[in-house]
Amino acid sequence: MSEIESLLKAWSSPTRSPDRAQLTLRIPLYDHQRLLALREIYPNRSVNDMVVDILEAALNDIVSKLPSHFFTEKEIDKMLFDHTYAGEQPNVDYGLAGRFKVALSRIQAAAADSKEGAE
């Protein structure tokens, strides 16, 4: 079952996650009209909930397709210094997927720090 098919099934239930961030955005009128039509089909969900679910599904799809590029430390040394060390080190992801994971970890750590500071 695709993530979108899972959404359609989940929209029959009114439960939602309590963790949310406030965001305001402008969308094309046609997309708003399509959301309103979906709201009529799935009355247990608000347009806002549908947008959140659709955004989450799209982000999950995009993140899962980010390219990875793995180099061993030996390969990195060879590229940078034109020599190699004996033995292989663990692979390191230097592709977009690795950069995304690093950025997300940094953002989540900053959010956790600011949440702890507010308490």
Protein backbone atom coordinates (compact mmCIF):
# COMPACT_ATOMS: atom_id res chain seq x y z
CA MET A 1 0.00 0.00 0.00
CA SER A 2 1.43 3.38 -0.97
CA GLU A 3 1.72 6.20 1.52
CA ILE A 4 -1.06 8.10 -0.26
CA GLU A 5 -3.34 5.06 -0.08
CA SER A 6 -2.54 4.86 3.64
CA LEU A 7 -3.54 8.52 3.99
CA LEU A 8 -6.89 7.92 2.34
CA LYS A 9 -7.53 5.05 4.74
CA ALA A 10 -6.37 7.07 7.78
CA TRP A 11 -8.61 10.01 6.86
CA SER A 12 -11.59 7.91 7.86
CA SER A 13 -10.37 8.27 11.47
CA PRO A 14 -10.39 11.61 13.34
CA THR A 15 -7.17 11.11 15.37
CA ARG A 16 -4.23 13.53 14.94
CA SER A 17 -0.75 14.01 16.31
CA PRO A 18 -0.51 16.69 19.04
CA ASP A 19 2.98 17.90 18.00
CA ARG A 20 2.54 20.75 15.55
CA ALA A 21 4.30 23.91 14.41
CA GLN A 22 2.46 27.00 13.13
CA LEU A 23 3.00 27.72 9.44
CA THR A 24 1.19 30.04 7.05
CA LEU A 25 1.38 29.50 3.31
CA ARG A 26 -0.31 30.52 0.12
CA ILE A 27 -1.38 27.84 -2.32
CA PRO A 28 -2.81 28.05 -5.83
CA LEU A 29 -6.59 28.52 -5.92
CA TYR A 30 -7.08 25.26 -7.84
CA ASP A 31 -5.22 23.30 -5.16
CA HIS A 32 -7.37 24.93 -2.46
CA GLN A 33 -10.48 23.93 -4.37
CA ARG A 34 -9.22 20.34 -4.61
CA LEU A 35 -8.60 20.32 -0.85
CA LEU A 36 -12.14 21.56 -0.24
CA ALA A 37 -13.48 18.78 -2.49
CA LEU A 38 -11.44 16.22 -0.52
CA ARG A 39 -12.87 17.70 2.69
CA GLU A 40 -16.37 16.94 1.42
CA ILE A 41 -15.36 13.33 0.72
CA TYR A 42 -13.55 12.92 4.07
CA PRO A 43 -15.62 14.95 6.57
CA ASN A 44 -13.66 13.57 9.57
CA ARG A 45 -10.60 15.57 8.48
CA SER A 46 -10.09 19.31 8.33
CA VAL A 47 -8.39 20.90 5.34
CA ASN A 48 -5.48 21.74 7.64
CA ASP A 49 -5.11 18.08 8.68
CA MET A 50 -5.19 17.00 5.04
CA VAL A 51 -2.49 19.51 4.10
CA VAL A 52 -0.32 18.28 6.98
CA ASP A 53 -0.82 14.64 5.95
CA ILE A 54 -0.14 15.35 2.26
CA LEU A 55 2.95 17.38 3.12
CA GLU A 56 4.24 14.62 5.40
CA ALA A 57 3.70 11.97 2.70
CA ALA A 58 5.42 14.13 0.08
CA LEU A 59 8.37 14.89 2.38
CA ASN A 60 8.75 11.20 3.25
CA ASP A 61 8.80 10.38 -0.47
CA ILE A 62 11.33 13.11 -1.27
CA VAL A 63 13.63 12.21 1.63
CA SER A 64 13.53 8.51 0.72
CA LYS A 65 14.67 9.41 -2.80
CA LEU A 66 17.55 11.73 -1.86
CA PRO A 67 20.69 10.31 -3.42
CA SER A 68 23.41 8.94 -1.21
CA HIS A 69 27.05 8.84 -2.11
CA PHE A 70 29.24 6.76 0.13
CA PHE A 71 33.02 7.00 0.32
CA THR A 72 35.25 5.05 2.63
CA GLU A 73 37.81 7.03 4.59
CA LYS A 74 40.44 5.35 2.41
CA GLU A 75 38.80 6.75 -0.74
CA ILE A 76 38.55 10.20 0.82
CA ASP A 77 42.21 10.13 1.78
CA LYS A 78 43.14 9.06 -1.73
CA MET A 79 41.11 11.90 -3.27
CA LEU A 80 42.39 14.54 -0.86
CA PHE A 81 45.96 13.49 -0.27
CA ASP A 82 46.65 11.09 -3.14
CA HIS A 83 47.64 8.34 -0.75
CA THR A 84 45.82 5.69 1.23
CA TYR A 85 45.97 4.27 4.71
CA ALA A 86 45.94 0.57 5.43
CA GLY A 87 42.52 -0.78 6.32
CA GLU A 88 39.00 0.33 5.58
CA GLN A 89 37.03 2.75 7.76
CA PRO A 90 33.22 2.82 7.97
CA ASN A 91 31.36 4.33 5.03
CA VAL A 92 30.35 7.97 5.30
CA ASP A 93 27.38 9.36 3.35
CA TYR A 94 28.42 12.55 1.56
CA GLY A 95 25.36 12.69 -0.69
CA LEU A 96 22.19 14.72 -0.29
CA ALA A 97 20.70 12.07 2.00
CA GLY A 98 23.63 12.40 4.40
CA ARG A 99 23.51 16.19 4.29
CA PHE A 100 19.76 16.04 5.01
CA LYS A 101 20.29 13.78 8.03
CA VAL A 102 22.97 16.09 9.43
CA ALA A 103 20.80 19.18 8.89
CA LEU A 104 17.73 17.51 10.44
CA SER A 105 19.73 16.38 13.47
CA ARG A 106 21.08 19.91 13.96
CA ILE A 107 17.59 21.44 13.67
CA GLN A 108 16.08 18.89 16.08
CA ALA A 109 18.89 19.43 18.62
CA ALA A 110 18.37 23.20 18.45
CA ALA A 111 14.62 22.75 18.95
CA ALA A 112 15.22 20.46 21.94
CA ASP A 113 17.67 22.97 23.44
CA SER A 114 15.22 25.86 23.05
CA LYS A 115 12.41 23.74 24.53
CA GLU A 116 14.56 22.87 27.56
CA GLY A 117 15.52 26.52 28.00
CA ALA A 118 11.85 27.54 28.04
CA GLU A 119 11.03 25.12 30.86
